[in-house]
Amino acid sequence: MKAKVHVTLKHGVLDPQGKAVGHALESLGFKGVGEVRVGRFIEVELSENDPAKAKAEAEDMCRKLLANTVIENFSVEVI
Protein backbone atom coordinates (compact mmCIF):
# COMPACT_ATOMS: atom_id res chain seq x y z
CA MET A 1 0.00 0.00 0.00
CA LYS A 2 1.05 3.58 -0.47
CA ALA A 3 0.51 6.37 2.05
CA LYS A 4 0.23 9.93 0.79
CA VAL A 5 1.13 12.42 3.52
CA HIS A 6 0.47 16.16 3.38
CA VAL A 7 2.26 18.30 5.96
CA THR A 8 1.27 21.95 6.37
CA LEU A 9 2.01 24.68 8.87
CA LYS A 10 -0.66 25.29 11.48
CA HIS A 11 -2.74 28.44 11.10
CA GLY A 12 -0.99 31.37 12.76
CA VAL A 13 2.54 30.02 12.24
CA LEU A 14 4.61 32.39 10.10
CA ASP A 15 5.50 31.02 6.67
CA PRO A 16 8.46 32.96 5.21
CA GLN A 17 8.73 30.57 2.25
CA GLY A 18 5.06 31.16 1.46
CA LYS A 19 5.61 34.93 1.65
CA ALA A 20 8.56 34.67 -0.76
CA VAL A 21 6.52 32.59 -3.21
CA GLY A 22 3.64 35.09 -2.97
CA HIS A 23 5.94 38.01 -3.74
CA ALA A 24 7.53 36.11 -6.64
CA LEU A 25 4.11 35.37 -8.13
CA GLU A 26 3.20 39.06 -7.91
CA SER A 27 6.48 40.07 -9.57
CA LEU A 28 5.72 37.61 -12.39
CA GLY A 29 2.47 39.45 -13.06
CA PHE A 30 -0.02 37.21 -11.26
CA LYS A 31 -2.57 39.58 -9.76
CA GLY A 32 -5.05 38.79 -7.04
CA VAL A 33 -2.86 36.24 -5.25
CA GLY A 34 -3.75 36.13 -1.57
CA GLU A 35 -1.84 34.44 1.20
CA VAL A 36 0.46 31.63 0.06
CA ARG A 37 1.34 28.75 2.39
CA VAL A 38 3.97 26.15 1.49
CA GLY A 39 3.87 22.57 2.74
CA ARG A 40 5.30 19.16 1.93
CA PHE A 41 3.99 16.06 0.19
CA ILE A 42 5.51 12.68 1.07
CA GLU A 43 4.74 9.26 -0.42
CA VAL A 44 5.62 6.20 1.64
CA GLU A 45 5.38 2.65 0.29
CA LEU A 46 4.17 0.32 3.06
CA SER A 47 4.16 -3.48 3.19
CA GLU A 48 0.98 -3.50 5.32
CA ASN A 49 -2.09 -4.76 3.41
CA ASP A 50 -4.80 -3.67 5.85
CA PRO A 51 -5.78 -0.04 5.01
CA ALA A 52 -6.63 0.86 8.63
CA LYS A 53 -3.32 -0.51 9.93
CA ALA A 54 -1.40 1.17 7.11
CA LYS A 55 -3.01 4.53 7.90
CA ALA A 56 -2.26 4.11 11.62
CA GLU A 57 1.36 3.25 10.83
CA ALA A 58 1.76 6.29 8.54
CA GLU A 59 0.18 8.56 11.15
CA ASP A 60 2.63 7.22 13.73
CA MET A 61 5.48 8.00 11.30
CA CYS A 62 4.18 11.55 11.04
CA ARG A 63 4.00 12.04 14.80
CA LYS A 64 7.52 10.62 15.28
CA LEU A 65 9.43 12.03 12.29
CA LEU A 66 7.64 13.38 9.23
CA ALA A 67 5.84 16.32 10.89
CA ASN A 68 6.71 18.69 13.71
CA THR A 69 3.35 18.46 15.46
CA VAL A 70 4.06 21.60 17.50
CA ILE A 71 3.83 23.81 14.41
CA GLU A 72 2.55 21.50 11.64
CA ASN A 73 -0.60 19.58 10.78
CA PHE A 74 -0.61 16.42 8.72
CA SER A 75 -3.13 14.34 6.82
CA VAL A 76 -2.70 10.77 5.57
CA GLU A 77 -4.42 9.06 2.65
CA VAL A 78 -3.82 5.37 2.01
CA ILE A 79 -4.24 3.99 -1.52
PDB file of N, CA and C in Angstrom:
ATOM      1  N   MET A   1       0.843  -1.174   0.000  1.00  0.00           N
ATOM      2  CA  MET A   1       0.000   0.000   0.000  1.00  0.00           C
ATOM      3  C   MET A   1       0.889   1.238   0.000  1.00  0.00           C
ATOM      4  N   LYS A   2       0.328   2.319  -0.441  1.00  0.00           N
ATOM      5  CA  LYS A   2       1.047   3.581  -0.466  1.00  0.00           C
ATOM      6  C   LYS A   2       0.311   4.585   0.410  1.00  0.00           C
ATOM      7  N   ALA A   3       1.076   5.300   1.229  1.00  0.00           N
ATOM      8  CA  ALA A   3       0.510   6.369   2.053  1.00  0.00           C
ATOM      9  C   ALA A   3       0.933   7.705   1.450  1.00  0.00           C
ATOM     10  N   LYS A   4      -0.044   8.570   1.255  1.00  0.00           N
ATOM     11  CA  LYS A   4       0.230   9.930   0.791  1.00  0.00           C
ATOM     12  C   LYS A   4       0.053  10.852   1.988  1.00  0.00           C
ATOM     13  N   VAL A   5       1.117  11.577   2.325  1.00  0.00           N
ATOM     14  CA  VAL A   5       1.134  12.422   3.517  1.00  0.00           C
ATOM     15  C   VAL A   5       1.275  13.878   3.091  1.00  0.00           C
ATOM     16  N   HIS A   6       0.386  14.711   3.589  1.00  0.00           N
ATOM     17  CA  HIS A   6       0.466  16.157   3.378  1.00  0.00           C
ATOM     18  C   HIS A   6       0.783  16.802   4.721  1.00  0.00           C
ATOM     19  N   VAL A   7       1.849  17.607   4.744  1.00  0.00           N
ATOM     20  CA  VAL A   7       2.255  18.304   5.958  1.00  0.00           C
ATOM     21  C   VAL A   7       2.164  19.796   5.680  1.00  0.00           C
ATOM     22  N   THR A   8       1.437  20.512   6.533  1.00  0.00           N
ATOM     23  CA  THR A   8       1.272  21.955   6.371  1.00  0.00           C
ATOM     24  C   THR A   8       1.484  22.646   7.712  1.00  0.00           C
ATOM     25  N   LEU A   9       1.868  23.905   7.642  1.00  0.00           N
ATOM     26  CA  LEU A   9       2.013  24.683   8.865  1.00  0.00           C
ATOM     27  C   LEU A   9       0.643  24.957   9.479  1.00  0.00           C
ATOM     28  N   LYS A  10       0.591  24.957  10.791  1.00  0.00           N
ATOM     29  CA  LYS A  10      -0.655  25.292  11.479  1.00  0.00           C
ATOM     30  C   LYS A  10      -0.991  26.758  11.227  1.00  0.00           C
ATOM     31  N   HIS A  11      -2.284  27.060  11.281  1.00  0.00           N
ATOM     32  CA  HIS A  11      -2.736  28.440  11.099  1.00  0.00           C
ATOM     33  C   HIS A  11      -2.109  29.309  12.186  1.00  0.00           C
ATOM     34  N   GLY A  12      -1.605  30.450  11.804  1.00  0.00           N
ATOM     35  CA  GLY A  12      -0.992  31.365  12.757  1.00  0.00           C
ATOM     36  C   GLY A  12       0.522  31.240  12.830  1.00  0.00           C
ATOM     37  N   VAL A  13       1.089  30.175  12.282  1.00  0.00           N
ATOM     38  CA  VAL A  13       2.544  30.016  12.238  1.00  0.00           C
ATOM     39  C   VAL A  13       3.058  30.760  11.012  1.00  0.00           C
ATOM     40  N   LEU A  14       4.060  31.613  11.210  1.00  0.00           N
ATOM     41  CA  LEU A  14       4.608  32.386  10.100  1.00  0.00           C
ATOM     42  C   LEU A  14       5.210  31.459   9.055  1.00  0.00           C
ATOM     43  N   ASP A  15       5.019  31.820   7.789  1.00  0.00           N
ATOM     44  CA  ASP A  15       5.501  31.017   6.670  1.00  0.00           C
ATOM     45  C   ASP A  15       6.334  31.898   5.741  1.00  0.00           C
ATOM     46  N   PRO A  16       7.633  32.098   6.060  1.00  0.00           N
ATOM     47  CA  PRO A  16       8.458  32.962   5.214  1.00  0.00           C
ATOM     48  C   PRO A  16       8.612  32.440   3.788  1.00  0.00           C
ATOM     49  N   GLN A  17       8.637  31.118   3.610  1.00  0.00           N
ATOM     50  CA  GLN A  17       8.732  30.571   2.254  1.00  0.00           C
ATOM     51  C   GLN A  17       7.467  30.896   1.467  1.00  0.00           C
ATOM     52  N   GLY A  18       6.323  30.797   2.103  1.00  0.00           N
ATOM     53  CA  GLY A  18       5.064  31.159   1.456  1.00  0.00           C
ATOM     54  C   GLY A  18       5.040  32.629   1.067  1.00  0.00           C
ATOM     55  N   LYS A  19       5.550  33.485   1.952  1.00  0.00           N
ATOM     56  CA  LYS A  19       5.613  34.925   1.647  1.00  0.00           C
ATOM     57  C   LYS A  19       6.495  35.162   0.423  1.00  0.00           C
ATOM     58  N   ALA A  20       7.647  34.489   0.365  1.00  0.00           N
ATOM     59  CA  ALA A  20       8.558  34.669  -0.762  1.00  0.00           C
ATOM     60  C   ALA A  20       7.902  34.211  -2.064  1.00  0.00           C
ATOM     61  N   VAL A  21       7.210  33.095  -2.027  1.00  0.00           N
ATOM     62  CA  VAL A  21       6.520  32.595  -3.214  1.00  0.00           C
ATOM     63  C   VAL A  21       5.430  33.578  -3.635  1.00  0.00           C
ATOM     64  N   GLY A  22       4.687  34.111  -2.670  1.00  0.00           N
ATOM     65  CA  GLY A  22       3.644  35.094  -2.965  1.00  0.00           C
ATOM     66  C   GLY A  22       4.201  36.331  -3.640  1.00  0.00           C
ATOM     67  N   HIS A  23       5.315  36.835  -3.131  1.00  0.00           N
ATOM     68  CA  HIS A  23       5.943  38.015  -3.739  1.00  0.00           C
ATOM     69  C   HIS A  23       6.464  37.693  -5.136  1.00  0.00           C
ATOM     70  N   ALA A  24       7.030  36.503  -5.318  1.00  0.00           N
ATOM     71  CA  ALA A  24       7.531  36.111  -6.636  1.00  0.00           C
ATOM     72  C   ALA A  24       6.393  36.011  -7.648  1.00  0.00           C
ATOM     73  N   LEU A  25       5.261  35.460  -7.218  1.00  0.00           N
ATOM     74  CA  LEU A  25       4.113  35.368  -8.125  1.00  0.00           C
ATOM     75  C   LEU A  25       3.634  36.757  -8.541  1.00  0.00           C
ATOM     76  N   GLU A  26       3.599  37.685  -7.586  1.00  0.00           N
ATOM     77  CA  GLU A  26       3.198  39.061  -7.908  1.00  0.00           C
ATOM     78  C   GLU A  26       4.177  39.687  -8.894  1.00  0.00           C
ATOM     79  N   SER A  27       5.483  39.465  -8.672  1.00  0.00           N
ATOM     80  CA  SER A  27       6.476  40.070  -9.568  1.00  0.00           C
ATOM     81  C   SER A  27       6.433  39.448 -10.969  1.00  0.00           C
ATOM     82  N   LEU A  28       5.883  38.245 -11.079  1.00  0.00           N
ATOM     83  CA  LEU A  28       5.719  37.611 -12.388  1.00  0.00           C
ATOM     84  C   LEU A  28       4.422  38.024 -13.085  1.00  0.00           C
ATOM     85  N   GLY A  29       3.666  38.919 -12.429  1.00  0.00           N
ATOM     86  CA  GLY A  29       2.472  39.451 -13.058  1.00  0.00           C
ATOM     87  C   GLY A  29       1.171  38.781 -12.651  1.00  0.00           C
ATOM     88  N   PHE A  30       1.210  37.840 -11.731  1.00  0.00           N
ATOM     89  CA  PHE A  30      -0.025  37.205 -11.261  1.00  0.00           C
ATOM     90  C   PHE A  30      -0.693  38.123 -10.251  1.00  0.00           C
ATOM     91  N   LYS A  31      -1.848  38.633 -10.622  1.00  0.00           N
ATOM     92  CA  LYS A  31      -2.569  39.578  -9.765  1.00  0.00           C
ATOM     93  C   LYS A  31      -3.641  38.840  -8.968  1.00  0.00           C
ATOM     94  N   GLY A  32      -3.975  39.362  -7.839  1.00  0.00           N
ATOM     95  CA  GLY A  32      -5.048  38.792  -7.036  1.00  0.00           C
ATOM     96  C   GLY A  32      -4.636  37.583  -6.224  1.00  0.00           C
ATOM     97  N   VAL A  33      -3.331  37.370  -6.056  1.00  0.00           N
ATOM     98  CA  VAL A  33      -2.864  36.245  -5.248  1.00  0.00           C
ATOM     99  C   VAL A  33      -2.943  36.657  -3.786  1.00  0.00           C
ATOM    100  N   GLY A  34      -3.654  35.871  -3.001  1.00  0.00           N
ATOM    101  CA  GLY A  34      -3.755  36.132  -1.569  1.00  0.00           C
ATOM    102  C   GLY A  34      -2.599  35.482  -0.829  1.00  0.00           C
ATOM    103  N   GLU A  35      -2.868  35.074   0.385  1.00  0.00           N
ATOM    104  CA  GLU A  35      -1.838  34.443   1.205  1.00  0.00           C
ATOM    105  C   GLU A  35      -1.400  33.120   0.574  1.00  0.00           C
ATOM    106  N   VAL A  36      -0.105  32.876   0.569  1.00  0.00           N
ATOM    107  CA  VAL A  36       0.456  31.630   0.058  1.00  0.00           C
ATOM    108  C   VAL A  36       1.084  30.883   1.224  1.00  0.00           C
ATOM    109  N   ARG A  37       0.764  29.608   1.354  1.00  0.00           N
ATOM    110  CA  ARG A  37       1.340  28.747   2.391  1.00  0.00           C
ATOM    111  C   ARG A  37       2.017  27.574   1.685  1.00  0.00           C
ATOM    112  N   VAL A  38       3.209  27.230   2.110  1.00  0.00           N
ATOM    113  CA  VAL A  38       3.973  26.154   1.492  1.00  0.00           C
ATOM    114  C   VAL A  38       4.032  24.978   2.456  1.00  0.00           C
ATOM    115  N   GLY A  39       3.804  23.778   1.929  1.00  0.00           N
ATOM    116  CA  GLY A  39       3.869  22.568   2.742  1.00  0.00           C
ATOM    117  C   GLY A  39       4.697  21.512   2.043  1.00  0.00           C
ATOM    118  N   ARG A  40       4.556  20.278   2.509  1.00  0.00           N
ATOM    119  CA  ARG A  40       5.296  19.162   1.928  1.00  0.00           C
ATOM    120  C   ARG A  40       4.339  18.028   1.591  1.00  0.00           C
ATOM    121  N   PHE A  41       4.717  17.260   0.575  1.00  0.00           N
ATOM    122  CA  PHE A  41       3.985  16.065   0.185  1.00  0.00           C
ATOM    123  C   PHE A  41       4.975  14.908   0.213  1.00  0.00           C
ATOM    124  N   ILE A  42       4.625  13.832   0.913  1.00  0.00           N
ATOM    125  CA  ILE A  42       5.514  12.684   1.074  1.00  0.00           C
ATOM    126  C   ILE A  42       4.736  11.419   0.710  1.00  0.00           C
ATOM    127  N   GLU A  43       5.321  10.564  -0.126  1.00  0.00           N
ATOM    128  CA  GLU A  43       4.738   9.262  -0.421  1.00  0.00           C
ATOM    129  C   GLU A  43       5.586   8.191   0.249  1.00  0.00           C
ATOM    130  N   VAL A  44       4.923   7.281   0.949  1.00  0.00           N
ATOM    131  CA  VAL A  44       5.616   6.199   1.638  1.00  0.00           C
ATOM    132  C   VAL A  44       5.005   4.881   1.190  1.00  0.00           C
ATOM    133  N   GLU A  45       5.838   3.978   0.678  1.00  0.00           N
ATOM    134  CA  GLU A  45       5.382   2.646   0.294  1.00  0.00           C
ATOM    135  C   GLU A  45       5.418   1.772   1.542  1.00  0.00           C
ATOM    136  N   LEU A  46       4.287   1.152   1.855  1.00  0.00           N
ATOM    137  CA  LEU A  46       4.168   0.319   3.060  1.00  0.00           C
ATOM    138  C   LEU A  46       3.884  -1.126   2.675  1.00  0.00           C
ATOM    139  N   SER A  47       4.408  -2.067   3.458  1.00  0.00           N
ATOM    140  CA  SER A  47       4.158  -3.483   3.185  1.00  0.00           C
ATOM    141  C   SER A  47       2.836  -3.953   3.790  1.00  0.00           C
ATOM    142  N   GLU A  48       2.249  -3.159   4.666  1.00  0.00           N
ATOM    143  CA  GLU A  48       0.979  -3.504   5.316  1.00  0.00           C
ATOM    144  C   GLU A  48      -0.140  -3.568   4.273  1.00  0.00           C
ATOM    145  N   ASN A  49      -0.989  -4.599   4.360  1.00  0.00           N
ATOM    146  CA  ASN A  49      -2.091  -4.757   3.409  1.00  0.00           C
ATOM    147  C   ASN A  49      -3.435  -4.287   3.943  1.00  0.00           C
ATOM    148  N   ASP A  50      -3.555  -4.137   5.241  1.00  0.00           N
ATOM    149  CA  ASP A  50      -4.800  -3.667   5.847  1.00  0.00           C
ATOM    150  C   ASP A  50      -4.808  -2.141   5.821  1.00  0.00           C
ATOM    151  N   PRO A  51      -5.776  -1.505   5.140  1.00  0.00           N
ATOM    152  CA  PRO A  51      -5.784  -0.040   5.015  1.00  0.00           C
ATOM    153  C   PRO A  51      -5.802   0.687   6.365  1.00  0.00           C
ATOM    154  N   ALA A  52      -6.554   0.194   7.318  1.00  0.00           N
ATOM    155  CA  ALA A  52      -6.632   0.860   8.625  1.00  0.00           C
ATOM    156  C   ALA A  52      -5.282   0.795   9.341  1.00  0.00           C
ATOM    157  N   LYS A  53      -4.640  -0.359   9.282  1.00  0.00           N
ATOM    158  CA  LYS A  53      -3.325  -0.506   9.925  1.00  0.00           C
ATOM    159  C   LYS A  53      -2.272   0.326   9.211  1.00  0.00           C
ATOM    160  N   ALA A  54      -2.346   0.377   7.884  1.00  0.00           N
ATOM    161  CA  ALA A  54      -1.396   1.169   7.107  1.00  0.00           C
ATOM    162  C   ALA A  54      -1.543   2.651   7.446  1.00  0.00           C
ATOM    163  N   LYS A  55      -2.783   3.116   7.558  1.00  0.00           N
ATOM    164  CA  LYS A  55      -3.006   4.528   7.902  1.00  0.00           C
ATOM    165  C   LYS A  55      -2.491   4.823   9.299  1.00  0.00           C
ATOM    166  N   ALA A  56      -2.745   3.925  10.252  1.00  0.00           N
ATOM    167  CA  ALA A  56      -2.263   4.115  11.624  1.00  0.00           C
ATOM    168  C   ALA A  56      -0.736   4.151  11.663  1.00  0.00           C
ATOM    169  N   GLU A  57      -0.107   3.282  10.872  1.00  0.00           N
ATOM    170  CA  GLU A  57       1.358   3.254  10.831  1.00  0.00           C
ATOM    171  C   GLU A  57       1.915   4.553  10.240  1.00  0.00           C
ATOM    172  N   ALA A  58       1.312   5.038   9.162  1.00  0.00           N
ATOM    173  CA  ALA A  58       1.758   6.288   8.538  1.00  0.00           C
ATOM    174  C   ALA A  58       1.541   7.474   9.473  1.00  0.00           C
ATOM    175  N   GLU A  59       0.425   7.484  10.191  1.00  0.00           N
ATOM    176  CA  GLU A  59       0.179   8.563  11.152  1.00  0.00           C
ATOM    177  C   GLU A  59       1.212   8.536  12.274  1.00  0.00           C
ATOM    178  N   ASP A  60       1.600   7.350  12.712  1.00  0.00           N
ATOM    179  CA  ASP A  60       2.634   7.216  13.731  1.00  0.00           C
ATOM    180  C   ASP A  60       3.967   7.748  13.207  1.00  0.00           C
ATOM    181  N   MET A  61       4.262   7.469  11.927  1.00  0.00           N
ATOM    182  CA  MET A  61       5.477   8.004  11.303  1.00  0.00           C
ATOM    183  C   MET A  61       5.465   9.528  11.317  1.00  0.00           C
ATOM    184  N   CYS A  62       4.307  10.094  11.042  1.00  0.00           N
ATOM    185  CA  CYS A  62       4.179  11.555  11.036  1.00  0.00           C
ATOM    186  C   CYS A  62       4.441  12.135  12.418  1.00  0.00           C
ATOM    187  N   ARG A  63       3.823  11.532  13.430  1.00  0.00           N
ATOM    188  CA  ARG A  63       3.998  12.038  14.796  1.00  0.00           C
ATOM    189  C   ARG A  63       5.444  11.914  15.272  1.00  0.00           C
ATOM    190  N   LYS A  64       6.163  10.873  14.799  1.00  0.00           N
ATOM    191  CA  LYS A  64       7.524  10.624  15.283  1.00  0.00           C
ATOM    192  C   LYS A  64       8.616  11.280  14.445  1.00  0.00           C
ATOM    193  N   LEU A  65       8.352  11.514  13.145  1.00  0.00           N
ATOM    194  CA  LEU A  65       9.427  12.029  12.294  1.00  0.00           C
ATOM    195  C   LEU A  65       8.985  12.992  11.198  1.00  0.00           C
ATOM    196  N   LEU A  66       7.948  12.649  10.459  1.00  0.00           N
ATOM    197  CA  LEU A  66       7.636  13.381   9.231  1.00  0.00           C
ATOM    198  C   LEU A  66       7.065  14.772   9.454  1.00  0.00           C
ATOM    199  N   ALA A  67       6.438  15.008  10.601  1.00  0.00           N
ATOM    200  CA  ALA A  67       5.843  16.324  10.892  1.00  0.00           C
ATOM    201  C   ALA A  67       6.276  16.788  12.268  1.00  0.00           C
ATOM    202  N   ASN A  68       6.477  18.075  12.397  1.00  0.00           N
ATOM    203  CA  ASN A  68       6.715  18.691  13.706  1.00  0.00           C
ATOM    204  C   ASN A  68       5.342  19.099  14.229  1.00  0.00           C
ATOM    205  N   THR A  69       4.750  18.259  15.058  1.00  0.00           N
ATOM    206  CA  THR A  69       3.351  18.459  15.458  1.00  0.00           C
ATOM    207  C   THR A  69       3.137  19.691  16.326  1.00  0.00           C
ATOM    208  N   VAL A  70       4.207  20.350  16.753  1.00  0.00           N
ATOM    209  CA  VAL A  70       4.063  21.598  17.500  1.00  0.00           C
ATOM    210  C   VAL A  70       3.597  22.708  16.560  1.00  0.00           C
ATOM    211  N   ILE A  71       4.149  22.720  15.342  1.00  0.00           N
ATOM    212  CA  ILE A  71       3.833  23.806  14.405  1.00  0.00           C
ATOM    213  C   ILE A  71       3.197  23.336  13.108  1.00  0.00           C
ATOM    214  N   GLU A  72       3.069  22.007  12.912  1.00  0.00           N
ATOM    215  CA  GLU A  72       2.550  21.496  11.643  1.00  0.00           C
ATOM    216  C   GLU A  72       1.373  20.545  11.858  1.00  0.00           C
ATOM    217  N   ASN A  73       0.479  20.560  10.873  1.00  0.00           N
ATOM    218  CA  ASN A  73      -0.599  19.578  10.781  1.00  0.00           C
ATOM    219  C   ASN A  73      -0.225  18.578   9.709  1.00  0.00           C
ATOM    220  N   PHE A  74      -0.836  17.403   9.771  1.00  0.00           N
ATOM    221  CA  PHE A  74      -0.611  16.422   8.715  1.00  0.00           C
ATOM    222  C   PHE A  74      -1.911  15.692   8.420  1.00  0.00           C
ATOM    223  N   SER A  75      -2.004  15.194   7.201  1.00  0.00           N
ATOM    224  CA  SER A  75      -3.127  14.336   6.824  1.00  0.00           C
ATOM    225  C   SER A  75      -2.554  13.163   6.037  1.00  0.00           C
ATOM    226  N   VAL A  76      -3.195  11.995   6.208  1.00  0.00           N
ATOM    227  CA  VAL A  76      -2.705  10.774   5.575  1.00  0.00           C
ATOM    228  C   VAL A  76      -3.827  10.171   4.744  1.00  0.00           C
ATOM    229  N   GLU A  77      -3.507   9.795   3.522  1.00  0.00           N
ATOM    230  CA  GLU A  77      -4.423   9.065   2.647  1.00  0.00           C
ATOM    231  C   GLU A  77      -3.723   7.785   2.229  1.00  0.00           C
ATOM    232  N   VAL A  78      -4.387   6.647   2.394  1.00  0.00           N
ATOM    233  CA  VAL A  78      -3.818   5.366   2.009  1.00  0.00           C
ATOM    234  C   VAL A  78      -4.507   4.889   0.734  1.00  0.00           C
ATOM    235  N   ILE A  79      -3.690   4.499  -0.250  1.00  0.00           N
ATOM    236  CA  ILE A  79      -4.241   3.992  -1.517  1.00  0.00           C
ATOM    237  C   ILE A  79      -3.638   2.644  -1.846  1.00  0.00           C
TER     238      ILE A  79
END
